[in-house]
Amino acid sequence: MKRKSTSNEKIIDYGDSEERLFSPLKISYIISKLKNRYGVWDFKEQKEIIPFHYKRIIPYQNYLYLEKDGLSTFYPNIGADPRYKKLEPYIGAFARFETPAGKKGWVDKKGKEYFDQ
């Protein structure tokens, strides 16, 4: 059974499982800097997509790394609110993280956390 995807995602069917590949940046989106902070601007629609609050935005294949106030996140997978002290790129469907409190674990592409024992 195939589901229809929303406008910003593609779904690849692997038989019994599926993987969502997000395309967070449309062709009209640009990562831009305003007053020493980064954000994402849609020049076609002339509107802000991600606020200009971030120290750094790094585009990866299907997501963006956002960093603000010493914390980081992956957009759109985990969300736009940085909450990890350390966050490594995905290996398959999981990324290694460390919280500000020092707890370590793995986070999946839907934002579900799996803490180390």
PDB file of N, CA and C in Angstrom:
ATOM      1  N   MET A   1       0.840  -1.174   0.000  1.00  0.00           N
ATOM      2  CA  MET A   1       0.000   0.000   0.000  1.00  0.00           C
ATOM      3  C   MET A   1       0.888   1.242   0.000  1.00  0.00           C
ATOM      4  N   LYS A   2       0.675   2.123  -0.931  1.00  0.00           N
ATOM      5  CA  LYS A   2       1.464   3.356  -1.045  1.00  0.00           C
ATOM      6  C   LYS A   2       0.680   4.528  -0.494  1.00  0.00           C
ATOM      7  N   ARG A   3       1.363   5.358   0.278  1.00  0.00           N
ATOM      8  CA  ARG A   3       0.762   6.587   0.771  1.00  0.00           C
ATOM      9  C   ARG A   3       1.193   7.742  -0.108  1.00  0.00           C
ATOM     10  N   LYS A   4       0.378   8.761  -0.144  1.00  0.00           N
ATOM     11  CA  LYS A   4       0.775   9.975  -0.841  1.00  0.00           C
ATOM     12  C   LYS A   4       1.667  10.783   0.076  1.00  0.00           C
ATOM     13  N   SER A   5       2.693  11.372  -0.480  1.00  0.00           N
ATOM     14  CA  SER A   5       3.606  12.175   0.330  1.00  0.00           C
ATOM     15  C   SER A   5       3.147  13.620   0.356  1.00  0.00           C
ATOM     16  N   THR A   6       3.573  14.331   1.383  1.00  0.00           N
ATOM     17  CA  THR A   6       3.299  15.759   1.441  1.00  0.00           C
ATOM     18  C   THR A   6       4.268  16.461   0.504  1.00  0.00           C
ATOM     19  N   SER A   7       4.101  17.736   0.339  1.00  0.00           N
ATOM     20  CA  SER A   7       4.896  18.469  -0.649  1.00  0.00           C
ATOM     21  C   SER A   7       6.389  18.495  -0.350  1.00  0.00           C
ATOM     22  N   ASN A   8       6.800  18.325   0.916  1.00  0.00           N
ATOM     23  CA  ASN A   8       8.226  18.425   1.209  1.00  0.00           C
ATOM     24  C   ASN A   8       8.875  17.084   1.550  1.00  0.00           C
ATOM     25  N   GLU A   9       8.248  15.982   1.195  1.00  0.00           N
ATOM     26  CA  GLU A   9       8.876  14.701   1.456  1.00  0.00           C
ATOM     27  C   GLU A   9       8.658  13.748   0.299  1.00  0.00           C
ATOM     28  N   LYS A  10       9.570  12.821   0.173  1.00  0.00           N
ATOM     29  CA  LYS A  10       9.451  11.755  -0.808  1.00  0.00           C
ATOM     30  C   LYS A  10       9.440  10.462  -0.021  1.00  0.00           C
ATOM     31  N   ILE A  11       8.662   9.498  -0.460  1.00  0.00           N
ATOM     32  CA  ILE A  11       8.614   8.222   0.230  1.00  0.00           C
ATOM     33  C   ILE A  11       9.142   7.155  -0.711  1.00  0.00           C
ATOM     34  N   ILE A  12      10.099   6.396  -0.211  1.00  0.00           N
ATOM     35  CA  ILE A  12      10.651   5.285  -0.980  1.00  0.00           C
ATOM     36  C   ILE A  12      10.102   4.007  -0.377  1.00  0.00           C
ATOM     37  N   ASP A  13       9.501   3.171  -1.200  1.00  0.00           N
ATOM     38  CA  ASP A  13       8.907   1.922  -0.742  1.00  0.00           C
ATOM     39  C   ASP A  13       9.914   0.792  -0.893  1.00  0.00           C
ATOM     40  N   TYR A  14      10.236   0.119   0.220  1.00  0.00           N
ATOM     41  CA  TYR A  14      11.159  -1.010   0.212  1.00  0.00           C
ATOM     42  C   TYR A  14      10.422  -2.302   0.547  1.00  0.00           C
ATOM     43  N   GLY A  15       9.265  -2.521  -0.013  1.00  0.00           N
ATOM     44  CA  GLY A  15       8.500  -3.724   0.285  1.00  0.00           C
ATOM     45  C   GLY A  15       7.752  -3.566   1.580  1.00  0.00           C
ATOM     46  N   ASP A  16       8.263  -4.165   2.659  1.00  0.00           N
ATOM     47  CA  ASP A  16       7.589  -4.118   3.950  1.00  0.00           C
ATOM     48  C   ASP A  16       7.860  -2.840   4.728  1.00  0.00           C
ATOM     49  N   SER A  17       8.875  -2.080   4.324  1.00  0.00           N
ATOM     50  CA  SER A  17       9.188  -0.856   5.059  1.00  0.00           C
ATOM     51  C   SER A  17       9.303   0.307   4.091  1.00  0.00           C
ATOM     52  N   GLU A  18       9.340   1.474   4.643  1.00  0.00           N
ATOM     53  CA  GLU A  18       9.488   2.675   3.826  1.00  0.00           C
ATOM     54  C   GLU A  18      10.397   3.653   4.536  1.00  0.00           C
ATOM     55  N   GLU A  19      11.033   4.502   3.776  1.00  0.00           N
ATOM     56  CA  GLU A  19      11.906   5.507   4.350  1.00  0.00           C
ATOM     57  C   GLU A  19      11.496   6.856   3.782  1.00  0.00           C
ATOM     58  N   ARG A  20      11.347   7.832   4.644  1.00  0.00           N
ATOM     59  CA  ARG A  20      11.018   9.177   4.195  1.00  0.00           C
ATOM     60  C   ARG A  20      12.302   9.945   3.956  1.00  0.00           C
ATOM     61  N   LEU A  21      12.369  10.572   2.838  1.00  0.00           N
ATOM     62  CA  LEU A  21      13.507  11.429   2.522  1.00  0.00           C
ATOM     63  C   LEU A  21      12.984  12.855   2.444  1.00  0.00           C
ATOM     64  N   PHE A  22      13.279  13.643   3.458  1.00  0.00           N
ATOM     65  CA  PHE A  22      12.792  15.011   3.497  1.00  0.00           C
ATOM     66  C   PHE A  22      13.610  15.892   2.573  1.00  0.00           C
ATOM     67  N   SER A  23      12.968  16.839   1.972  1.00  0.00           N
ATOM     68  CA  SER A  23      13.620  17.846   1.145  1.00  0.00           C
ATOM     69  C   SER A  23      13.322  19.204   1.771  1.00  0.00           C
ATOM     70  N   PRO A  24      14.052  19.570   2.831  1.00  0.00           N
ATOM     71  CA  PRO A  24      13.700  20.774   3.570  1.00  0.00           C
ATOM     72  C   PRO A  24      13.871  22.069   2.790  1.00  0.00           C
ATOM     73  N   LEU A  25      14.748  22.080   1.798  1.00  0.00           N
ATOM     74  CA  LEU A  25      14.952  23.307   1.041  1.00  0.00           C
ATOM     75  C   LEU A  25      14.357  23.193  -0.353  1.00  0.00           C
ATOM     76  N   LYS A  26      13.365  23.995  -0.610  1.00  0.00           N
ATOM     77  CA  LYS A  26      12.848  24.100  -1.973  1.00  0.00           C
ATOM     78  C   LYS A  26      13.869  24.886  -2.779  1.00  0.00           C
ATOM     79  N   ILE A  27      13.729  24.879  -4.054  1.00  0.00           N
ATOM     80  CA  ILE A  27      14.682  25.599  -4.908  1.00  0.00           C
ATOM     81  C   ILE A  27      14.669  27.100  -4.617  1.00  0.00           C
ATOM     82  N   SER A  28      13.570  27.591  -4.081  1.00  0.00           N
ATOM     83  CA  SER A  28      13.474  29.026  -3.777  1.00  0.00           C
ATOM     84  C   SER A  28      13.968  29.377  -2.372  1.00  0.00           C
ATOM     85  N   TYR A  29      14.408  28.387  -1.589  1.00  0.00           N
ATOM     86  CA  TYR A  29      14.934  28.629  -0.251  1.00  0.00           C
ATOM     87  C   TYR A  29      16.431  28.899  -0.318  1.00  0.00           C
ATOM     88  N   ILE A  30      16.870  29.850   0.485  1.00  0.00           N
ATOM     89  CA  ILE A  30      18.302  30.111   0.594  1.00  0.00           C
ATOM     90  C   ILE A  30      18.669  30.252   2.077  1.00  0.00           C
ATOM     91  N   ILE A  31      19.841  29.733   2.424  1.00  0.00           N
ATOM     92  CA  ILE A  31      20.388  29.961   3.761  1.00  0.00           C
ATOM     93  C   ILE A  31      21.050  31.324   3.693  1.00  0.00           C
ATOM     94  N   SER A  32      20.671  32.198   4.592  1.00  0.00           N
ATOM     95  CA  SER A  32      21.144  33.572   4.526  1.00  0.00           C
ATOM     96  C   SER A  32      21.575  34.050   5.909  1.00  0.00           C
ATOM     97  N   LYS A  33      22.323  35.135   5.926  1.00  0.00           N
ATOM     98  CA  LYS A  33      22.828  35.710   7.179  1.00  0.00           C
ATOM     99  C   LYS A  33      22.274  37.118   7.334  1.00  0.00           C
ATOM    100  N   LEU A  34      21.799  37.423   8.539  1.00  0.00           N
ATOM    101  CA  LEU A  34      21.258  38.739   8.853  1.00  0.00           C
ATOM    102  C   LEU A  34      21.721  39.102  10.260  1.00  0.00           C
ATOM    103  N   LYS A  35      22.481  40.182  10.392  1.00  0.00           N
ATOM    104  CA  LYS A  35      22.996  40.643  11.686  1.00  0.00           C
ATOM    105  C   LYS A  35      23.726  39.519  12.430  1.00  0.00           C
ATOM    106  N   ASN A  36      24.645  38.857  11.742  1.00  0.00           N
ATOM    107  CA  ASN A  36      25.490  37.798  12.306  1.00  0.00           C
ATOM    108  C   ASN A  36      24.743  36.544  12.735  1.00  0.00           C
ATOM    109  N   ARG A  37      23.526  36.355  12.279  1.00  0.00           N
ATOM    110  CA  ARG A  37      22.747  35.142  12.564  1.00  0.00           C
ATOM    111  C   ARG A  37      22.208  34.589  11.244  1.00  0.00           C
ATOM    112  N   TYR A  38      22.095  33.242  11.196  1.00  0.00           N
ATOM    113  CA  TYR A  38      21.639  32.575   9.982  1.00  0.00           C
ATOM    114  C   TYR A  38      20.185  32.156  10.090  1.00  0.00           C
ATOM    115  N   GLY A  39      19.537  32.076   8.940  1.00  0.00           N
ATOM    116  CA  GLY A  39      18.159  31.617   8.824  1.00  0.00           C
ATOM    117  C   GLY A  39      17.928  31.139   7.401  1.00  0.00           C
ATOM    118  N   VAL A  40      16.691  30.769   7.110  1.00  0.00           N
ATOM    119  CA  VAL A  40      16.334  30.338   5.758  1.00  0.00           C
ATOM    120  C   VAL A  40      15.230  31.246   5.249  1.00  0.00           C
ATOM    121  N   TRP A  41      15.431  31.773   4.046  1.00  0.00           N
ATOM    122  CA  TRP A  41      14.524  32.725   3.420  1.00  0.00           C
ATOM    123  C   TRP A  41      14.004  32.133   2.121  1.00  0.00           C
ATOM    124  N   ASP A  42      12.707  32.291   1.873  1.00  0.00           N
ATOM    125  CA  ASP A  42      12.100  31.890   0.604  1.00  0.00           C
ATOM    126  C   ASP A  42      11.985  33.138  -0.256  1.00  0.00           C
ATOM    127  N   PHE A  43      12.874  33.248  -1.257  1.00  0.00           N
ATOM    128  CA  PHE A  43      12.878  34.480  -2.050  1.00  0.00           C
ATOM    129  C   PHE A  43      11.713  34.540  -3.019  1.00  0.00           C
ATOM    130  N   LYS A  44      11.109  33.420  -3.360  1.00  0.00           N
ATOM    131  CA  LYS A  44       9.935  33.429  -4.249  1.00  0.00           C
ATOM    132  C   LYS A  44       8.702  33.946  -3.506  1.00  0.00           C
ATOM    133  N   GLU A  45       8.495  33.411  -2.301  1.00  0.00           N
ATOM    134  CA  GLU A  45       7.347  33.821  -1.483  1.00  0.00           C
ATOM    135  C   GLU A  45       7.632  35.077  -0.660  1.00  0.00           C
ATOM    136  N   GLN A  46       8.910  35.482  -0.606  1.00  0.00           N
ATOM    137  CA  GLN A  46       9.336  36.644   0.180  1.00  0.00           C
ATOM    138  C   GLN A  46       8.945  36.506   1.654  1.00  0.00           C
ATOM    139  N   LYS A  47       9.319  35.325   2.240  1.00  0.00           N
ATOM    140  CA  LYS A  47       9.034  35.131   3.660  1.00  0.00           C
ATOM    141  C   LYS A  47      10.121  34.296   4.312  1.00  0.00           C
ATOM    142  N   GLU A  48      10.202  34.439   5.617  1.00  0.00           N
ATOM    143  CA  GLU A  48      11.162  33.709   6.432  1.00  0.00           C
ATOM    144  C   GLU A  48      10.630  32.300   6.696  1.00  0.00           C
ATOM    145  N   ILE A  49      11.474  31.299   6.454  1.00  0.00           N
ATOM    146  CA  ILE A  49      11.099  29.908   6.697  1.00  0.00           C
ATOM    147  C   ILE A  49      11.643  29.441   8.047  1.00  0.00           C
ATOM    148  N   ILE A  50      12.909  29.709   8.298  1.00  0.00           N
ATOM    149  CA  ILE A  50      13.547  29.442   9.587  1.00  0.00           C
ATOM    150  C   ILE A  50      14.081  30.774  10.094  1.00  0.00           C
ATOM    151  N   PRO A  51      13.713  31.182  11.316  1.00  0.00           N
ATOM    152  CA  PRO A  51      14.122  32.504  11.834  1.00  0.00           C
ATOM    153  C   PRO A  51      15.641  32.687  11.852  1.00  0.00           C
ATOM    154  N   PHE A  52      16.070  33.915  11.760  1.00  0.00           N
ATOM    155  CA  PHE A  52      17.491  34.268  11.762  1.00  0.00           C
ATOM    156  C   PHE A  52      18.005  34.352  13.204  1.00  0.00           C
ATOM    157  N   HIS A  53      18.042  33.184  13.866  1.00  0.00           N
ATOM    158  CA  HIS A  53      18.464  33.090  15.269  1.00  0.00           C
ATOM    159  C   HIS A  53      19.691  32.214  15.425  1.00  0.00           C
ATOM    160  N   TYR A  54      20.165  31.578  14.355  1.00  0.00           N
ATOM    161  CA  TYR A  54      21.152  30.508  14.469  1.00  0.00           C
ATOM    162  C   TYR A  54      22.577  30.973  14.205  1.00  0.00           C
ATOM    163  N   LYS A  55      23.493  30.446  15.011  1.00  0.00           N
ATOM    164  CA  LYS A  55      24.917  30.740  14.837  1.00  0.00           C
ATOM    165  C   LYS A  55      25.431  30.075  13.566  1.00  0.00           C
ATOM    166  N   ARG A  56      24.861  28.902  13.246  1.00  0.00           N
ATOM    167  CA  ARG A  56      25.330  28.139  12.084  1.00  0.00           C
ATOM    168  C   ARG A  56      24.189  27.297  11.527  1.00  0.00           C
ATOM    169  N   ILE A  57      24.116  27.213  10.195  1.00  0.00           N
ATOM    170  CA  ILE A  57      23.218  26.290   9.502  1.00  0.00           C
ATOM    171  C   ILE A  57      24.056  25.586   8.445  1.00  0.00           C
ATOM    172  N   ILE A  58      24.065  24.254   8.517  1.00  0.00           N
ATOM    173  CA  ILE A  58      24.828  23.460   7.553  1.00  0.00           C
ATOM    174  C   ILE A  58      23.873  22.531   6.816  1.00  0.00           C
ATOM    175  N   PRO A  59      23.825  22.614   5.491  1.00  0.00           N
ATOM    176  CA  PRO A  59      22.951  21.693   4.752  1.00  0.00           C
ATOM    177  C   PRO A  59      23.608  20.328   4.582  1.00  0.00           C
ATOM    178  N   TYR A  60      22.849  19.288   4.880  1.00  0.00           N
ATOM    179  CA  TYR A  60      23.256  17.915   4.591  1.00  0.00           C
ATOM    180  C   TYR A  60      22.368  17.422   3.457  1.00  0.00           C
ATOM    181  N   GLN A  61      22.485  16.167   3.131  1.00  0.00           N
ATOM    182  CA  GLN A  61      21.763  15.642   1.973  1.00  0.00           C
ATOM    183  C   GLN A  61      20.254  15.875   2.044  1.00  0.00           C
ATOM    184  N   ASN A  62      19.626  15.526   3.169  1.00  0.00           N
ATOM    185  CA  ASN A  62      18.171  15.640   3.277  1.00  0.00           C
ATOM    186  C   ASN A  62      17.701  16.396   4.517  1.00  0.00           C
ATOM    187  N   TYR A  63      18.598  17.118   5.152  1.00  0.00           N
ATOM    188  CA  TYR A  63      18.237  17.845   6.357  1.00  0.00           C
ATOM    189  C   TYR A  63      19.238  18.974   6.590  1.00  0.00           C
ATOM    190  N   LEU A  64      18.921  19.831   7.544  1.00  0.00           N
ATOM    191  CA  LEU A  64      19.794  20.947   7.914  1.00  0.00           C
ATOM    192  C   LEU A  64      20.258  20.772   9.352  1.00  0.00           C
ATOM    193  N   TYR A  65      21.522  21.079   9.607  1.00  0.00           N
ATOM    194  CA  TYR A  65      22.074  21.137  10.956  1.00  0.00           C
ATOM    195  C   TYR A  65      21.919  22.576  11.421  1.00  0.00           C
ATOM    196  N   LEU A  66      21.228  22.792  12.547  1.00  0.00           N
ATOM    197  CA  LEU A  66      21.023  24.131  13.098  1.00  0.00           C
ATOM    198  C   LEU A  66      21.726  24.223  14.445  1.00  0.00           C
ATOM    199  N   GLU A  67      22.453  25.315  14.673  1.00  0.00           N
ATOM    200  CA  GLU A  67      23.158  25.505  15.945  1.00  0.00           C
ATOM    201  C   GLU A  67      22.848  26.886  16.503  1.00  0.00           C
ATOM    202  N   LYS A  68      22.499  26.891  17.818  1.00  0.00           N
ATOM    203  CA  LYS A  68      22.179  28.150  18.502  1.00  0.00           C
ATOM    204  C   LYS A  68      22.487  27.997  19.981  1.00  0.00           C
ATOM    205  N   ASP A  69      23.166  28.974  20.580  1.00  0.00           N
ATOM    206  CA  ASP A  69      23.466  28.996  22.019  1.00  0.00           C
ATOM    207  C   ASP A  69      24.167  27.716  22.490  1.00  0.00           C
ATOM    208  N   GLY A  70      25.065  27.179  21.667  1.00  0.00           N
ATOM    209  CA  GLY A  70      25.826  25.992  22.038  1.00  0.00           C
ATOM    210  C   GLY A  70      25.072  24.679  21.911  1.00  0.00           C
ATOM    211  N   LEU A  71      23.854  24.722  21.402  1.00  0.00           N
ATOM    212  CA  LEU A  71      23.039  23.519  21.215  1.00  0.00           C
ATOM    213  C   LEU A  71      22.710  23.344  19.739  1.00  0.00           C
ATOM    214  N   SER A  72      22.386  22.092  19.349  1.00  0.00           N
ATOM    215  CA  SER A  72      22.120  21.830  17.934  1.00  0.00           C
ATOM    216  C   SER A  72      20.939  20.888  17.734  1.00  0.00           C
ATOM    217  N   THR A  73      20.443  20.859  16.495  1.00  0.00           N
ATOM    218  CA  THR A  73      19.332  19.999  16.094  1.00  0.00           C
ATOM    219  C   THR A  73      19.435  19.725  14.602  1.00  0.00           C
ATOM    220  N   PHE A  74      18.619  18.809  14.118  1.00  0.00           N
ATOM    221  CA  PHE A  74      18.484  18.556  12.683  1.00  0.00           C
ATOM    222  C   PHE A  74      17.070  18.936  12.275  1.00  0.00           C
ATOM    223  N   TYR A  75      16.971  19.775  11.258  1.00  0.00           N
ATOM    224  CA  TYR A  75      15.676  20.205  10.738  1.00  0.00           C
ATOM    225  C   TYR A  75      15.467  19.559   9.377  1.00  0.00           C
ATOM    226  N   PRO A  76      14.336  19.001   9.033  1.00  0.00           N
ATOM    227  CA  PRO A  76      13.078  18.984   9.774  1.00  0.00           C
ATOM    228  C   PRO A  76      12.933  17.782  10.694  1.00  0.00           C
ATOM    229  N   ASN A  77      13.862  16.848  10.664  1.00  0.00           N
ATOM    230  CA  ASN A  77      13.735  15.577  11.364  1.00  0.00           C
ATOM    231  C   ASN A  77      13.450  15.721  12.858  1.00  0.00           C
ATOM    232  N   ILE A  78      14.296  16.446  13.574  1.00  0.00           N
ATOM    233  CA  ILE A  78      14.148  16.583  15.023  1.00  0.00           C
ATOM    234  C   ILE A  78      13.368  17.852  15.363  1.00  0.00           C
ATOM    235  N   GLY A  79      13.453  18.857  14.523  1.00  0.00           N
ATOM    236  CA  GLY A  79      12.747  20.112  14.743  1.00  0.00           C
ATOM    237  C   GLY A  79      13.693  21.299  14.679  1.00  0.00           C
ATOM    238  N   ALA A  80      13.157  22.485  14.892  1.00  0.00           N
ATOM    239  CA  ALA A  80      13.945  23.709  14.789  1.00  0.00           C
ATOM    240  C   ALA A  80      14.465  24.197  16.138  1.00  0.00           C
ATOM    241  N   ASP A  81      14.120  23.504  17.230  1.00  0.00           N
ATOM    242  CA  ASP A  81      14.542  23.919  18.563  1.00  0.00           C
ATOM    243  C   ASP A  81      15.772  23.111  18.989  1.00  0.00           C
ATOM    244  N   PRO A  82      16.969  23.710  18.982  1.00  0.00           N
ATOM    245  CA  PRO A  82      18.183  22.980  19.356  1.00  0.00           C
ATOM    246  C   PRO A  82      18.146  22.507  20.802  1.00  0.00           C
ATOM    247  N   ARG A  83      18.515  21.227  21.016  1.00  0.00           N
ATOM    248  CA  ARG A  83      18.493  20.692  22.378  1.00  0.00           C
ATOM    249  C   ARG A  83      19.665  19.787  22.705  1.00  0.00           C
ATOM    250  N   TYR A  84      20.595  19.587  21.772  1.00  0.00           N
ATOM    251  CA  TYR A  84      21.717  18.687  22.004  1.00  0.00           C
ATOM    252  C   TYR A  84      23.034  19.445  22.093  1.00  0.00           C
ATOM    253  N   LYS A  85      23.833  19.078  23.096  1.00  0.00           N
ATOM    254  CA  LYS A  85      25.173  19.652  23.265  1.00  0.00           C
ATOM    255  C   LYS A  85      26.089  19.165  22.138  1.00  0.00           C
ATOM    256  N   LYS A  86      25.969  17.888  21.802  1.00  0.00           N
ATOM    257  CA  LYS A  86      26.706  17.300  20.681  1.00  0.00           C
ATOM    258  C   LYS A  86      25.714  16.527  19.830  1.00  0.00           C
ATOM    259  N   LEU A  87      25.871  16.633  18.509  1.00  0.00           N
ATOM    260  CA  LEU A  87      24.996  15.920  17.584  1.00  0.00           C
ATOM    261  C   LEU A  87      25.804  15.591  16.338  1.00  0.00           C
ATOM    262  N   GLU A  88      25.957  14.310  16.070  1.00  0.00           N
ATOM    263  CA  GLU A  88      26.737  13.856  14.922  1.00  0.00           C
ATOM    264  C   GLU A  88      25.808  13.584  13.741  1.00  0.00           C
ATOM    265  N   PRO A  89      26.331  13.621  12.513  1.00  0.00           N
ATOM    266  CA  PRO A  89      25.507  13.317  11.337  1.00  0.00           C
ATOM    267  C   PRO A  89      24.927  11.901  11.416  1.00  0.00           C
ATOM    268  N   TYR A  90      23.831  11.698  10.700  1.00  0.00           N
ATOM    269  CA  TYR A  90      23.181  10.388  10.687  1.00  0.00           C
ATOM    270  C   TYR A  90      24.091   9.320  10.089  1.00  0.00           C
ATOM    271  N   ILE A  91      24.020   8.146  10.701  1.00  0.00           N
ATOM    272  CA  ILE A  91      24.602   6.931  10.145  1.00  0.00           C
ATOM    273  C   ILE A  91      23.395   6.042   9.900  1.00  0.00           C
ATOM    274  N   GLY A  92      22.999   5.894   8.657  1.00  0.00           N
ATOM    275  CA  GLY A  92      21.751   5.202   8.362  1.00  0.00           C
ATOM    276  C   GLY A  92      20.598   6.043   8.868  1.00  0.00           C
ATOM    277  N   ALA A  93      19.800   5.483   9.772  1.00  0.00           N
ATOM    278  CA  ALA A  93      18.626   6.183  10.291  1.00  0.00           C
ATOM    279  C   ALA A  93      18.845   6.802  11.672  1.00  0.00           C
ATOM    280  N   PHE A  94      20.087   6.735  12.219  1.00  0.00           N
ATOM    281  CA  PHE A  94      20.333   7.205  13.580  1.00  0.00           C
ATOM    282  C   PHE A  94      21.520   8.158  13.653  1.00  0.00           C
ATOM    283  N   ALA A  95      21.421   9.104  14.609  1.00  0.00           N
ATOM    284  CA  ALA A  95      22.513  10.049  14.866  1.00  0.00           C
ATOM    285  C   ALA A  95      22.870   9.982  16.349  1.00  0.00           C
ATOM    286  N   ARG A  96      24.142  10.069  16.634  1.00  0.00           N
ATOM    287  CA  ARG A  96      24.642  10.041  18.007  1.00  0.00           C
ATOM    288  C   ARG A  96      24.476  11.435  18.614  1.00  0.00           C
ATOM    289  N   PHE A  97      24.044  11.500  19.903  1.00  0.00           N
ATOM    290  CA  PHE A  97      23.859  12.799  20.558  1.00  0.00           C
ATOM    291  C   PHE A  97      24.335  12.756  22.007  1.00  0.00           C
ATOM    292  N   GLU A  98      24.496  13.974  22.565  1.00  0.00           N
ATOM    293  CA  GLU A  98      24.736  14.163  23.995  1.00  0.00           C
ATOM    294  C   GLU A  98      23.919  15.370  24.433  1.00  0.00           C
ATOM    295  N   THR A  99      23.185  15.229  25.537  1.00  0.00           N
ATOM    296  CA  THR A  99      22.367  16.326  26.057  1.00  0.00           C
ATOM    297  C   THR A  99      23.232  17.272  26.890  1.00  0.00           C
ATOM    298  N   PRO A 100      22.732  18.459  27.212  1.00  0.00           N
ATOM    299  CA  PRO A 100      23.477  19.369  28.088  1.00  0.00           C
ATOM    300  C   PRO A 100      23.763  18.754  29.471  1.00  0.00           C
ATOM    301  N   ALA A 101      22.933  17.802  29.898  1.00  0.00           N
ATOM    302  CA  ALA A 101      23.132  17.143  31.191  1.00  0.00           C
ATOM    303  C   ALA A 101      24.142  16.001  31.111  1.00  0.00           C
ATOM    304  N   GLY A 102      24.661  15.718  29.905  1.00  0.00           N
ATOM    305  CA  GLY A 102      25.671  14.684  29.744  1.00  0.00           C
ATOM    306  C   GLY A 102      25.143  13.310  29.374  1.00  0.00           C
ATOM    307  N   LYS A 103      23.826  13.169  29.222  1.00  0.00           N
ATOM    308  CA  LYS A 103      23.262  11.886  28.807  1.00  0.00           C
ATOM    309  C   LYS A 103      23.549  11.677  27.320  1.00  0.00           C
ATOM    310  N   LYS A 104      23.923  10.433  26.969  1.00  0.00           N
ATOM    311  CA  LYS A 104      24.265  10.120  25.585  1.00  0.00           C
ATOM    312  C   LYS A 104      23.319   9.066  25.033  1.00  0.00           C
ATOM    313  N   GLY A 105      23.212   9.052  23.704  1.00  0.00           N
ATOM    314  CA  GLY A 105      22.368   8.061  23.063  1.00  0.00           C
ATOM    315  C   GLY A 105      22.304   8.267  21.569  1.00  0.00           C
ATOM    316  N   TRP A 106      21.244   7.714  20.989  1.00  0.00           N
ATOM    317  CA  TRP A 106      20.995   7.805  19.550  1.00  0.00           C
ATOM    318  C   TRP A 106      19.611   8.402  19.339  1.00  0.00           C
ATOM    319  N   VAL A 107      19.452   9.176  18.282  1.00  0.00           N
ATOM    320  CA  VAL A 107      18.152   9.737  17.923  1.00  0.00           C
ATOM    321  C   VAL A 107      17.845   9.309  16.495  1.00  0.00           C
ATOM    322  N   ASP A 108      16.589   8.902  16.251  1.00  0.00           N
ATOM    323  CA  ASP A 108      16.229   8.488  14.892  1.00  0.00           C
ATOM    324  C   ASP A 108      15.755   9.686  14.076  1.00  0.00           C
ATOM    325  N   LYS A 109      15.393   9.459  12.826  1.00  0.00           N
ATOM    326  CA  LYS A 109      15.027  10.552  11.930  1.00  0.00           C
ATOM    327  C   LYS A 109      13.652  11.141  12.216  1.00  0.00           C
ATOM    328  N   LYS A 110      12.939  10.547  13.154  1.00  0.00           N
ATOM    329  CA  LYS A 110      11.657  11.110  13.584  1.00  0.00           C
ATOM    330  C   LYS A 110      11.790  11.838  14.912  1.00  0.00           C
ATOM    331  N   GLY A 111      13.024  11.857  15.478  1.00  0.00           N
ATOM    332  CA  GLY A 111      13.271  12.561  16.726  1.00  0.00           C
ATOM    333  C   GLY A 111      13.138  11.709  17.976  1.00  0.00           C
ATOM    334  N   LYS A 112      12.910  10.391  17.840  1.00  0.00           N
ATOM    335  CA  LYS A 112      12.797   9.521  18.999  1.00  0.00           C
ATOM    336  C   LYS A 112      14.200   9.217  19.535  1.00  0.00           C
ATOM    337  N   GLU A 113      14.362   9.417  20.837  1.00  0.00           N
ATOM    338  CA  GLU A 113      15.656   9.244  21.486  1.00  0.00           C
ATOM    339  C   GLU A 113      15.776   7.855  22.110  1.00  0.00           C
ATOM    340  N   TYR A 114      16.990   7.293  22.004  1.00  0.00           N
ATOM    341  CA  TYR A 114      17.328   6.013  22.601  1.00  0.00           C
ATOM    342  C   TYR A 114      18.593   6.241  23.439  1.00  0.00           C
ATOM    343  N   PHE A 115      18.432   6.272  24.766  1.00  0.00           N
ATOM    344  CA  PHE A 115      19.550   6.599  25.652  1.00  0.00           C
ATOM    345  C   PHE A 115      20.402   5.371  25.917  1.00  0.00           C
ATOM    346  N   ASP A 116      21.728   5.610  26.077  1.00  0.00           N
ATOM    347  CA  ASP A 116      22.642   4.546  26.460  1.00  0.00           C
ATOM    348  C   ASP A 116      22.293   4.074  27.874  1.00  0.00           C
ATOM    349  N   GLN A 117      22.593   2.843  28.158  1.00  0.00           N
ATOM    350  CA  GLN A 117      22.319   2.273  29.495  1.00  0.00           C
ATOM    351  C   GLN A 117      23.377   2.692  30.483  1.00  0.00           C
TER     352      GLN A 117
END
